Amino acid sequence: MDTPADDASRAGCRALGLAAAYLAVSLAWRVVMEGLTGLAIVVLMTQQGVPLKGLTPAVISAHSSADLVAIASLVQLFGLLAIAVFMARWLGPDRLEAFALKPVPAVFLVLTALGGATVGFFPGWVAQVLAKLLPFLDLGDLGMLNDLLLQSSWHGRLLMLIAVVGVAPFVEEAIFLGFLWRALEGALPPWGIWLATSALFALYHVDPIHVMAVFFTGLFLGWLRWASGSVIPGMLAHLVNNGLAAVLVLALPVDPDATNPWWAAVLSVAVTAAIAAALWRVRSREAT
């Protein structure tokens, strides 16, 4: 006769299996889309007469098409979401519950938006420092996005903004803070889910320097999910973060070799941590 412990163990195994299955299928989808995008960029550069020997990230970004990269990113994002929506039926009949689309108090959203505006400065500084210390790891992912935003036509720039600001925050958080968080609830304690989804969110960005830098952002977004029980605050913070970064790139082009002051990074961590503590206090008050 099965005991509650046996049932819990089986539920945990199913949860881990579902999360692993999603990660495997989504990785295959990403590899296919990245490969097709890379092939399309090579064809485009060949048509432009650009020599393919000894390519650098700067050369690739200078001769890439923002329209192509943005459309490929949108197809990739919606494909990842479609896979999650399909697999969510194994989490229960209520799809909204599977993706944690729950309303939250207005004060929570205000604090979330403030945190979204501060959380990105430290990862940006970390990326700049790591790019100088470990240049062999810099694949140019962030630099390419910045170059495409600055150098593209108006329609290419618009598509890039739609992909980076209008779609990515919602799709990525629906996956990491919604579907995967919900799937792992049967296998890990809340703190374990927080760390695991933060790490997966960072690894999703592939570029090693980007991965190491954005882990801090992932921790804040996961904290929002843990504190609120909803994916909506994480989506809002991610949207504010990406939107502010895009505005700064377009309005204040800077020397790519420059490094932001360390004190600004430390200050952003302090402010973001204070906001995170305030959010947890709001959570505790709401629970009583």
Protein backbone atom coordinates (compact mmCIF):
# COMPACT_ATOMS: atom_id res chain seq x y z
CA MET A 1 0.00 0.00 0.00
CA ASP A 2 1.35 3.39 -1.01
CA THR A 3 2.14 5.90 1.70
CA PRO A 4 1.86 9.71 1.40
CA ALA A 5 5.65 9.76 1.15
CA ASP A 6 5.51 7.41 -1.86
CA ASP A 7 2.89 9.59 -3.54
CA ALA A 8 4.97 12.70 -2.91
CA SER A 9 8.06 10.99 -4.30
CA ARG A 10 6.25 9.99 -7.49
CA ALA A 11 4.82 13.51 -7.85
CA GLY A 12 8.31 14.94 -7.47
CA CYS A 13 9.69 12.59 -10.12
CA ARG A 14 6.88 13.52 -12.51
CA ALA A 15 7.56 17.22 -11.90
CA LEU A 16 11.27 16.86 -12.57
CA GLY A 17 10.53 14.72 -15.63
CA LEU A 18 8.17 17.33 -17.06
CA ALA A 19 10.66 20.15 -16.43
CA ALA A 20 13.48 18.10 -17.98
CA ALA A 21 11.33 17.24 -21.00
CA TYR A 22 10.51 20.89 -21.56
CA LEU A 23 14.15 21.93 -21.27
CA ALA A 24 15.22 19.22 -23.74
CA VAL A 25 12.57 20.09 -26.34
CA SER A 26 13.07 23.83 -25.95
CA LEU A 27 16.85 23.43 -26.26
CA ALA A 28 16.37 21.52 -29.52
CA TRP A 29 14.06 24.29 -30.77
CA ARG A 30 16.61 26.96 -29.85
CA VAL A 31 19.44 25.09 -31.57
CA VAL A 32 17.36 24.80 -34.75
CA MET A 33 16.36 28.48 -34.71
CA GLU A 34 19.88 29.71 -33.87
CA GLY A 35 21.27 27.55 -36.65
CA LEU A 36 18.76 28.84 -39.22
CA THR A 37 19.36 32.42 -38.13
CA GLY A 38 23.12 32.00 -38.36
CA LEU A 39 22.79 30.46 -41.81
CA ALA A 40 20.58 33.33 -42.96
CA ILE A 41 23.12 35.87 -41.66
CA VAL A 42 25.94 34.07 -43.52
CA VAL A 43 23.91 34.13 -46.74
CA LEU A 44 23.17 37.83 -46.24
CA MET A 45 26.84 38.62 -45.65
CA THR A 46 27.87 36.57 -48.68
CA GLN A 47 25.47 38.57 -50.83
CA GLN A 48 27.09 41.74 -49.47
CA GLY A 49 30.53 40.45 -50.43
CA VAL A 50 31.78 40.24 -46.84
CA PRO A 51 34.65 37.73 -46.43
CA LEU A 52 33.63 34.98 -44.01
CA LYS A 53 37.15 34.18 -42.84
CA GLY A 54 38.14 35.63 -39.47
CA LEU A 55 34.72 37.04 -38.63
CA THR A 56 34.37 39.00 -35.39
CA PRO A 57 31.18 39.90 -33.48
CA ALA A 58 31.63 43.53 -34.58
CA VAL A 59 31.76 42.56 -38.27
CA ILE A 60 28.75 40.26 -37.92
CA SER A 61 26.63 42.89 -36.16
CA ALA A 62 27.65 45.54 -38.73
CA HIS A 63 26.41 43.42 -41.63
CA SER A 64 23.43 41.70 -40.01
CA SER A 65 19.81 42.65 -40.55
CA ALA A 66 17.83 43.86 -37.55
CA ASP A 67 14.64 42.74 -39.28
CA LEU A 68 16.01 39.21 -39.68
CA VAL A 69 17.32 38.94 -36.10
CA ALA A 70 14.11 40.38 -34.63
CA ILE A 71 11.80 38.12 -36.62
CA ALA A 72 13.93 35.06 -35.78
CA SER A 73 13.82 36.04 -32.09
CA LEU A 74 10.04 36.41 -32.17
CA VAL A 75 9.57 33.03 -33.86
CA GLN A 76 11.90 31.45 -31.31
CA LEU A 77 10.11 33.05 -28.34
CA PHE A 78 6.61 32.13 -29.49
CA GLY A 79 7.81 28.60 -30.23
CA LEU A 80 9.14 28.23 -26.70
CA LEU A 81 5.85 29.53 -25.30
CA ALA A 82 3.82 27.17 -27.49
CA ILE A 83 5.81 24.20 -26.17
CA ALA A 84 5.13 25.32 -22.58
CA VAL A 85 1.41 25.84 -23.25
CA PHE A 86 1.19 22.34 -24.76
CA MET A 87 2.98 20.71 -21.83
CA ALA A 88 1.01 22.71 -19.24
CA ARG A 89 -1.90 20.31 -19.60
CA TRP A 90 0.09 17.85 -17.45
CA LEU A 91 0.13 20.40 -14.64
CA GLY A 92 -3.64 20.50 -14.35
CA PRO A 93 -6.75 21.60 -16.23
CA ASP A 94 -6.39 25.29 -15.33
CA ARG A 95 -3.86 26.84 -17.72
CA LEU A 96 -3.90 30.21 -15.89
CA GLU A 97 -2.94 28.44 -12.68
CA ALA A 98 -0.14 26.62 -14.49
CA PHE A 99 1.30 29.99 -15.56
CA ALA A 100 0.56 31.79 -12.26
CA LEU A 101 -1.33 34.66 -13.91
CA LYS A 102 -2.76 36.00 -10.64
CA PRO A 103 -3.59 39.62 -9.73
CA VAL A 104 -1.43 41.33 -7.12
CA PRO A 105 -1.91 44.47 -4.97
CA ALA A 106 -1.16 47.82 -6.61
CA VAL A 107 1.58 48.62 -4.08
CA PHE A 108 3.35 45.45 -5.18
CA LEU A 109 3.30 46.58 -8.80
CA VAL A 110 4.67 50.03 -7.91
CA LEU A 111 7.59 48.53 -5.96
CA THR A 112 8.13 46.00 -8.74
CA ALA A 113 8.41 48.73 -11.37
CA LEU A 114 10.96 50.59 -9.22
CA GLY A 115 12.97 47.41 -8.81
CA GLY A 116 12.85 46.79 -12.54
CA ALA A 117 14.38 50.23 -13.08
CA THR A 118 17.30 49.56 -10.70
CA VAL A 119 18.08 45.86 -11.10
CA GLY A 120 19.84 46.10 -14.45
CA PHE A 121 22.71 48.43 -13.53
CA PHE A 122 24.70 45.85 -11.58
CA PRO A 123 24.49 43.12 -14.27
CA GLY A 124 25.48 45.72 -16.86
CA TRP A 125 28.56 46.64 -14.84
CA VAL A 126 29.43 42.96 -14.30
CA ALA A 127 29.16 42.31 -18.05
CA GLN A 128 31.50 45.23 -18.79
CA VAL A 129 34.08 44.05 -16.25
CA LEU A 130 33.94 40.41 -17.37
CA ALA A 131 34.26 41.40 -21.03
CA LYS A 132 37.56 43.09 -20.20
CA LEU A 133 38.86 40.40 -17.85
CA LEU A 134 37.74 37.44 -20.00
CA PRO A 135 37.67 38.69 -23.61
CA PHE A 136 37.81 35.11 -24.94
CA LEU A 137 34.33 34.51 -23.48
CA ASP A 138 32.76 37.57 -25.07
CA LEU A 139 30.60 36.31 -27.95
CA GLY A 140 29.26 39.78 -28.65
CA ASP A 141 25.61 38.96 -27.96
CA LEU A 142 24.83 42.15 -26.02
CA GLY A 143 27.01 44.28 -28.27
CA MET A 144 25.25 42.95 -31.35
CA LEU A 145 21.83 43.86 -29.98
CA ASN A 146 23.05 47.36 -29.14
CA ASP A 147 24.58 47.82 -32.58
CA LEU A 148 21.43 46.62 -34.33
CA LEU A 149 19.32 49.06 -32.33
CA LEU A 150 21.63 51.96 -33.19
CA GLN A 151 22.44 51.19 -36.82
CA SER A 152 19.24 49.71 -38.25
CA SER A 153 16.44 51.31 -40.23
CA TRP A 154 13.32 52.52 -38.46
CA HIS A 155 11.40 49.31 -39.21
CA GLY A 156 14.31 47.14 -38.07
CA ARG A 157 14.60 49.16 -34.89
CA LEU A 158 10.86 48.87 -34.30
CA LEU A 159 10.95 45.10 -34.73
CA MET A 160 13.91 44.85 -32.35
CA LEU A 161 12.05 46.89 -29.73
CA ILE A 162 8.94 44.72 -30.13
CA ALA A 163 11.02 41.56 -29.66
CA VAL A 164 13.20 42.77 -26.78
CA VAL A 165 10.75 44.99 -24.88
CA GLY A 166 7.27 44.02 -26.03
CA VAL A 167 7.49 40.22 -26.19
CA ALA A 168 10.57 38.76 -24.47
CA PRO A 169 9.67 39.87 -20.89
CA PHE A 170 6.23 38.28 -21.08
CA VAL A 171 7.20 35.06 -22.83
CA GLU A 172 10.36 34.40 -20.82
CA GLU A 173 8.67 34.97 -17.46
CA ALA A 174 5.63 32.92 -18.48
CA ILE A 175 8.09 30.08 -19.05
CA PHE A 176 10.55 30.45 -16.16
CA LEU A 177 8.38 32.00 -13.43
CA GLY A 178 5.16 30.42 -14.64
CA PHE A 179 5.41 26.99 -16.24
CA LEU A 180 8.79 25.81 -14.93
CA TRP A 181 8.22 27.23 -11.43
CA ARG A 182 4.87 25.45 -11.26
CA ALA A 183 6.36 22.20 -12.58
CA LEU A 184 9.16 22.22 -10.00
CA GLU A 185 6.77 22.84 -7.08
CA GLY A 186 6.27 19.09 -6.75
CA ALA A 187 9.99 18.40 -6.47
CA LEU A 188 11.77 21.29 -4.72
CA PRO A 189 11.20 23.64 -1.77
CA PRO A 190 10.48 27.30 -2.64
CA TRP A 191 14.09 28.42 -2.15
CA GLY A 192 15.26 25.59 -4.40
CA ILE A 193 12.80 26.57 -7.13
CA TRP A 194 13.92 30.20 -6.79
CA LEU A 195 17.58 29.31 -7.31
CA ALA A 196 16.89 26.74 -10.04
CA THR A 197 14.67 29.00 -12.15
CA SER A 198 17.07 31.93 -11.67
CA ALA A 199 19.94 29.77 -12.94
CA LEU A 200 17.88 28.48 -15.88
CA PHE A 201 16.86 32.03 -16.77
CA ALA A 202 20.53 33.05 -16.82
CA LEU A 203 21.61 30.00 -18.85
CA TYR A 204 18.89 30.73 -21.39
CA HIS A 205 20.90 33.78 -22.52
CA VAL A 206 23.72 31.45 -23.75
CA ASP A 207 26.50 34.06 -24.10
CA PRO A 208 28.80 33.16 -21.11
CA ILE A 209 29.31 36.75 -20.00
CA HIS A 210 25.61 37.51 -20.38
CA VAL A 211 24.79 34.37 -18.37
CA MET A 212 27.05 35.34 -15.45
CA ALA A 213 25.82 38.92 -15.42
CA VAL A 214 22.10 38.32 -15.74
CA PHE A 215 21.92 35.77 -12.90
CA PHE A 216 21.44 38.67 -10.47
CA THR A 217 18.45 39.85 -12.51
CA GLY A 218 17.07 36.32 -12.46
CA LEU A 219 17.32 36.22 -8.67
CA PHE A 220 15.29 39.42 -8.36
CA LEU A 221 12.64 38.24 -10.83
CA GLY A 222 12.39 34.91 -9.01
CA TRP A 223 12.08 36.74 -5.70
CA LEU A 224 9.11 38.61 -7.13
CA ARG A 225 7.47 35.31 -8.05
CA TRP A 226 8.15 33.82 -4.63
CA ALA A 227 6.91 36.87 -2.75
CA SER A 228 3.76 37.44 -4.81
CA GLY A 229 2.79 33.96 -5.97
CA SER A 230 2.22 35.53 -9.39
CA VAL A 231 4.18 35.84 -12.62
CA ILE A 232 2.85 39.34 -13.32
CA PRO A 233 5.37 41.28 -11.15
CA GLY A 234 8.27 39.47 -12.83
CA MET A 235 6.88 40.35 -16.25
CA LEU A 236 6.51 44.01 -15.26
CA ALA A 237 10.03 44.25 -13.78
CA HIS A 238 11.52 42.55 -16.84
CA LEU A 239 9.64 44.92 -19.15
CA VAL A 240 10.84 48.00 -17.24
CA ASN A 241 14.42 46.67 -17.19
CA ASN A 242 14.53 45.94 -20.93
CA GLY A 243 12.68 49.13 -21.82
CA LEU A 244 15.03 51.31 -19.77
CA ALA A 245 18.08 49.58 -21.29
CA ALA A 246 16.74 50.18 -24.82
CA VAL A 247 16.03 53.85 -24.07
CA LEU A 248 19.54 54.35 -22.69
CA VAL A 249 21.11 52.68 -25.73
CA LEU A 250 19.14 54.87 -28.13
CA ALA A 251 19.36 58.12 -26.19
CA LEU A 252 22.86 57.90 -24.71
CA PRO A 253 25.21 56.01 -27.03
CA VAL A 254 28.43 55.40 -25.11
CA ASP A 255 31.94 54.17 -25.77
CA PRO A 256 31.72 50.34 -25.94
CA ASP A 257 35.08 50.13 -24.14
CA ALA A 258 33.91 52.29 -21.22
CA THR A 259 32.99 50.82 -17.82
CA ASN A 260 30.30 52.26 -15.61
CA PRO A 261 31.46 53.38 -12.13
CA TRP A 262 31.51 50.61 -9.52
CA TRP A 263 29.71 52.76 -6.99
CA ALA A 264 26.66 53.01 -9.28
CA ALA A 265 26.55 49.20 -9.46
CA VAL A 266 26.82 48.89 -5.67
CA LEU A 267 24.13 51.54 -5.18
CA SER A 268 21.79 49.72 -7.56
CA VAL A 269 22.27 46.47 -5.60
CA ALA A 270 21.49 48.26 -2.34
CA VAL A 271 18.34 49.90 -3.72
CA THR A 272 17.15 46.69 -5.39
CA ALA A 273 17.74 44.72 -2.16
CA ALA A 274 15.77 47.31 -0.17
CA ILE A 275 12.90 47.03 -2.64
CA ALA A 276 13.04 43.23 -2.41
CA ALA A 277 12.83 43.45 1.39
CA ALA A 278 9.87 45.83 1.14
CA LEU A 279 8.13 43.41 -1.22
CA TRP A 280 8.59 40.57 1.25
CA ARG A 281 7.14 42.73 4.00
CA VAL A 282 4.11 43.46 1.82
CA ARG A 283 3.78 39.71 1.27
CA SER A 284 3.89 39.02 4.99
CA ARG A 285 1.28 41.70 5.66
CA GLU A 286 -1.02 40.31 2.97
CA ALA A 287 -0.69 36.81 4.40
CA THR A 288 -1.88 37.88 7.87
